[in-house]
Amino acid sequence: MLLVEKFFKNFIPTKNICDTKKNTEVLVALSAQSRKEVDEMIDKATAAGGSEYRNAEDHGWMYGRSFEDMMATSGDFLQWMRVKCRKK
């Protein structure tokens, strides 16, 4: 749920709302079905005004890219993991 600051403050009356340009409030990890889907999600996020804030990381078994929304309120990490099962 996205809330305007004044309304959000009702949920945290004894705490301050942080400046998300200086602090990280939350990091959300989203899974994707393929590397292509990760790239498509990042493309959509940047086309909507977000920005990619880290270089893509490809570890062979996992591929990830990261973006921030327009207000830098959250850093999101999209990943695709190639999982292999071993037989015993």
C-alpha atoms as a PDB file:
ATOM      1  CA  MET A   1       0.000   0.000   0.000  1.00  0.00           C
ATOM      2  CA  LEU A   2       1.366   3.431  -0.889  1.00  0.00           C
ATOM      3  CA  LEU A   3       0.322   6.269   1.404  1.00  0.00           C
ATOM      4  CA  VAL A   4       0.858  10.019   1.431  1.00  0.00           C
ATOM      5  CA  GLU A   5       3.176  11.071   4.270  1.00  0.00           C
ATOM      6  CA  LYS A   6       0.511  12.746   6.416  1.00  0.00           C
ATOM      7  CA  PHE A   7      -1.674   9.618   6.410  1.00  0.00           C
ATOM      8  CA  PHE A   8       1.322   7.276   6.819  1.00  0.00           C
ATOM      9  CA  LYS A   9       2.351   9.185   9.957  1.00  0.00           C
ATOM     10  CA  ASN A  10      -0.895   7.983  11.608  1.00  0.00           C
ATOM     11  CA  PHE A  11       0.515   4.449  11.593  1.00  0.00           C
ATOM     12  CA  ILE A  12       3.808   5.444  13.278  1.00  0.00           C
ATOM     13  CA  PRO A  13       2.904   8.244  15.731  1.00  0.00           C
ATOM     14  CA  THR A  14       6.073   7.909  17.836  1.00  0.00           C
ATOM     15  CA  LYS A  15       8.534   7.617  14.935  1.00  0.00           C
ATOM     16  CA  ASN A  16       9.841   9.885  12.208  1.00  0.00           C
ATOM     17  CA  ILE A  17       9.493   9.259   8.497  1.00  0.00           C
ATOM     18  CA  CYS A  18      12.989   8.836   7.090  1.00  0.00           C
ATOM     19  CA  ASP A  19      14.457  10.765   4.177  1.00  0.00           C
ATOM     20  CA  THR A  20      14.656   7.957   1.630  1.00  0.00           C
ATOM     21  CA  LYS A  21      17.184   9.840  -0.471  1.00  0.00           C
ATOM     22  CA  LYS A  22      19.637   9.393   2.428  1.00  0.00           C
ATOM     23  CA  ASN A  23      18.397   6.190   4.100  1.00  0.00           C
ATOM     24  CA  THR A  24      17.019   2.851   3.000  1.00  0.00           C
ATOM     25  CA  GLU A  25      13.635   2.090   4.466  1.00  0.00           C
ATOM     26  CA  VAL A  26      12.927  -1.249   2.817  1.00  0.00           C
ATOM     27  CA  LEU A  27      14.434  -3.557   0.209  1.00  0.00           C
ATOM     28  CA  VAL A  28      12.036  -5.721  -1.762  1.00  0.00           C
ATOM     29  CA  ALA A  29      13.232  -8.825  -3.605  1.00  0.00           C
ATOM     30  CA  LEU A  30      11.077 -10.019  -6.489  1.00  0.00           C
ATOM     31  CA  SER A  31      11.556 -13.327  -8.273  1.00  0.00           C
ATOM     32  CA  ALA A  32      11.267 -13.742 -12.016  1.00  0.00           C
ATOM     33  CA  GLN A  33      10.802 -16.811 -14.189  1.00  0.00           C
ATOM     34  CA  SER A  34      13.674 -16.006 -16.546  1.00  0.00           C
ATOM     35  CA  ARG A  35      16.555 -13.654 -17.226  1.00  0.00           C
ATOM     36  CA  LYS A  36      14.452 -12.118 -20.007  1.00  0.00           C
ATOM     37  CA  GLU A  37      11.682 -11.350 -17.520  1.00  0.00           C
ATOM     38  CA  VAL A  38      14.198  -9.600 -15.223  1.00  0.00           C
ATOM     39  CA  ASP A  39      15.342  -7.408 -18.123  1.00  0.00           C
ATOM     40  CA  GLU A  40      11.747  -6.630 -19.129  1.00  0.00           C
ATOM     41  CA  MET A  41      10.821  -5.620 -15.563  1.00  0.00           C
ATOM     42  CA  ILE A  42      13.849  -3.302 -15.302  1.00  0.00           C
ATOM     43  CA  ASP A  43      13.009  -1.795 -18.705  1.00  0.00           C
ATOM     44  CA  LYS A  44       9.445  -1.097 -17.536  1.00  0.00           C
ATOM     45  CA  ALA A  45      10.640   0.411 -14.252  1.00  0.00           C
ATOM     46  CA  THR A  46      13.107   2.765 -15.950  1.00  0.00           C
ATOM     47  CA  ALA A  47      10.567   3.708 -18.648  1.00  0.00           C
ATOM     48  CA  ALA A  48       8.169   4.697 -15.847  1.00  0.00           C
ATOM     49  CA  GLY A  49      10.746   7.067 -14.330  1.00  0.00           C
ATOM     50  CA  GLY A  50      12.808   4.795 -12.101  1.00  0.00           C
ATOM     51  CA  SER A  51      16.555   4.370 -12.391  1.00  0.00           C
ATOM     52  CA  GLU A  52      18.865   1.385 -12.364  1.00  0.00           C
ATOM     53  CA  TYR A  53      21.256   1.891  -9.465  1.00  0.00           C
ATOM     54  CA  ARG A  54      23.598  -1.095  -9.745  1.00  0.00           C
ATOM     55  CA  ASN A  55      25.179  -2.981 -12.595  1.00  0.00           C
ATOM     56  CA  ALA A  56      23.586  -6.289 -13.528  1.00  0.00           C
ATOM     57  CA  GLU A  57      25.079  -9.255 -11.689  1.00  0.00           C
ATOM     58  CA  ASP A  58      25.345 -12.653 -13.357  1.00  0.00           C
ATOM     59  CA  HIS A  59      26.630 -15.433 -11.126  1.00  0.00           C
ATOM     60  CA  GLY A  60      25.727 -18.200 -13.568  1.00  0.00           C
ATOM     61  CA  TRP A  61      23.099 -19.667 -11.249  1.00  0.00           C
ATOM     62  CA  MET A  62      21.550 -16.274 -10.418  1.00  0.00           C
ATOM     63  CA  TYR A  63      21.042 -13.070 -12.409  1.00  0.00           C
ATOM     64  CA  GLY A  64      19.943  -9.833 -10.834  1.00  0.00           C
ATOM     65  CA  ARG A  65      19.381  -6.154 -11.569  1.00  0.00           C
ATOM     66  CA  SER A  66      18.285  -3.365  -9.261  1.00  0.00           C
ATOM     67  CA  PHE A  67      16.254  -0.190  -9.586  1.00  0.00           C
ATOM     68  CA  GLU A  68      14.906   2.661  -7.494  1.00  0.00           C
ATOM     69  CA  ASP A  69      11.539   4.271  -7.970  1.00  0.00           C
ATOM     70  CA  MET A  70      11.144   7.947  -8.916  1.00  0.00           C
ATOM     71  CA  MET A  71      11.222   9.175  -5.313  1.00  0.00           C
ATOM     72  CA  ALA A  72      14.025   6.796  -4.274  1.00  0.00           C
ATOM     73  CA  THR A  73      11.657   5.371  -1.665  1.00  0.00           C
ATOM     74  CA  SER A  74      12.747   1.803  -2.219  1.00  0.00           C
ATOM     75  CA  GLY A  75      15.452  -0.210  -3.843  1.00  0.00           C
ATOM     76  CA  ASP A  76      14.105  -3.242  -5.625  1.00  0.00           C
ATOM     77  CA  PHE A  77      16.104  -6.267  -6.667  1.00  0.00           C
ATOM     78  CA  LEU A  78      14.854  -8.579  -9.362  1.00  0.00           C
ATOM     79  CA  GLN A  79      16.411 -11.994  -9.619  1.00  0.00           C
ATOM     80  CA  TRP A  80      16.248 -15.121 -11.623  1.00  0.00           C
ATOM     81  CA  MET A  81      17.742 -18.228 -10.093  1.00  0.00           C
ATOM     82  CA  ARG A  82      18.688 -21.338 -12.001  1.00  0.00           C
ATOM     83  CA  VAL A  83      18.135 -24.145  -9.511  1.00  0.00           C
ATOM     84  CA  LYS A  84      19.516 -27.605 -10.169  1.00  0.00           C
ATOM     85  CA  CYS A  85      18.577 -30.606  -8.081  1.00  0.00           C
ATOM     86  CA  ARG A  86      21.081 -33.329  -7.382  1.00  0.00           C
ATOM     87  CA  LYS A  87      20.096 -36.986  -7.315  1.00  0.00           C
ATOM     88  CA  LYS A  88      21.242 -38.984  -4.307  1.00  0.00           C
END
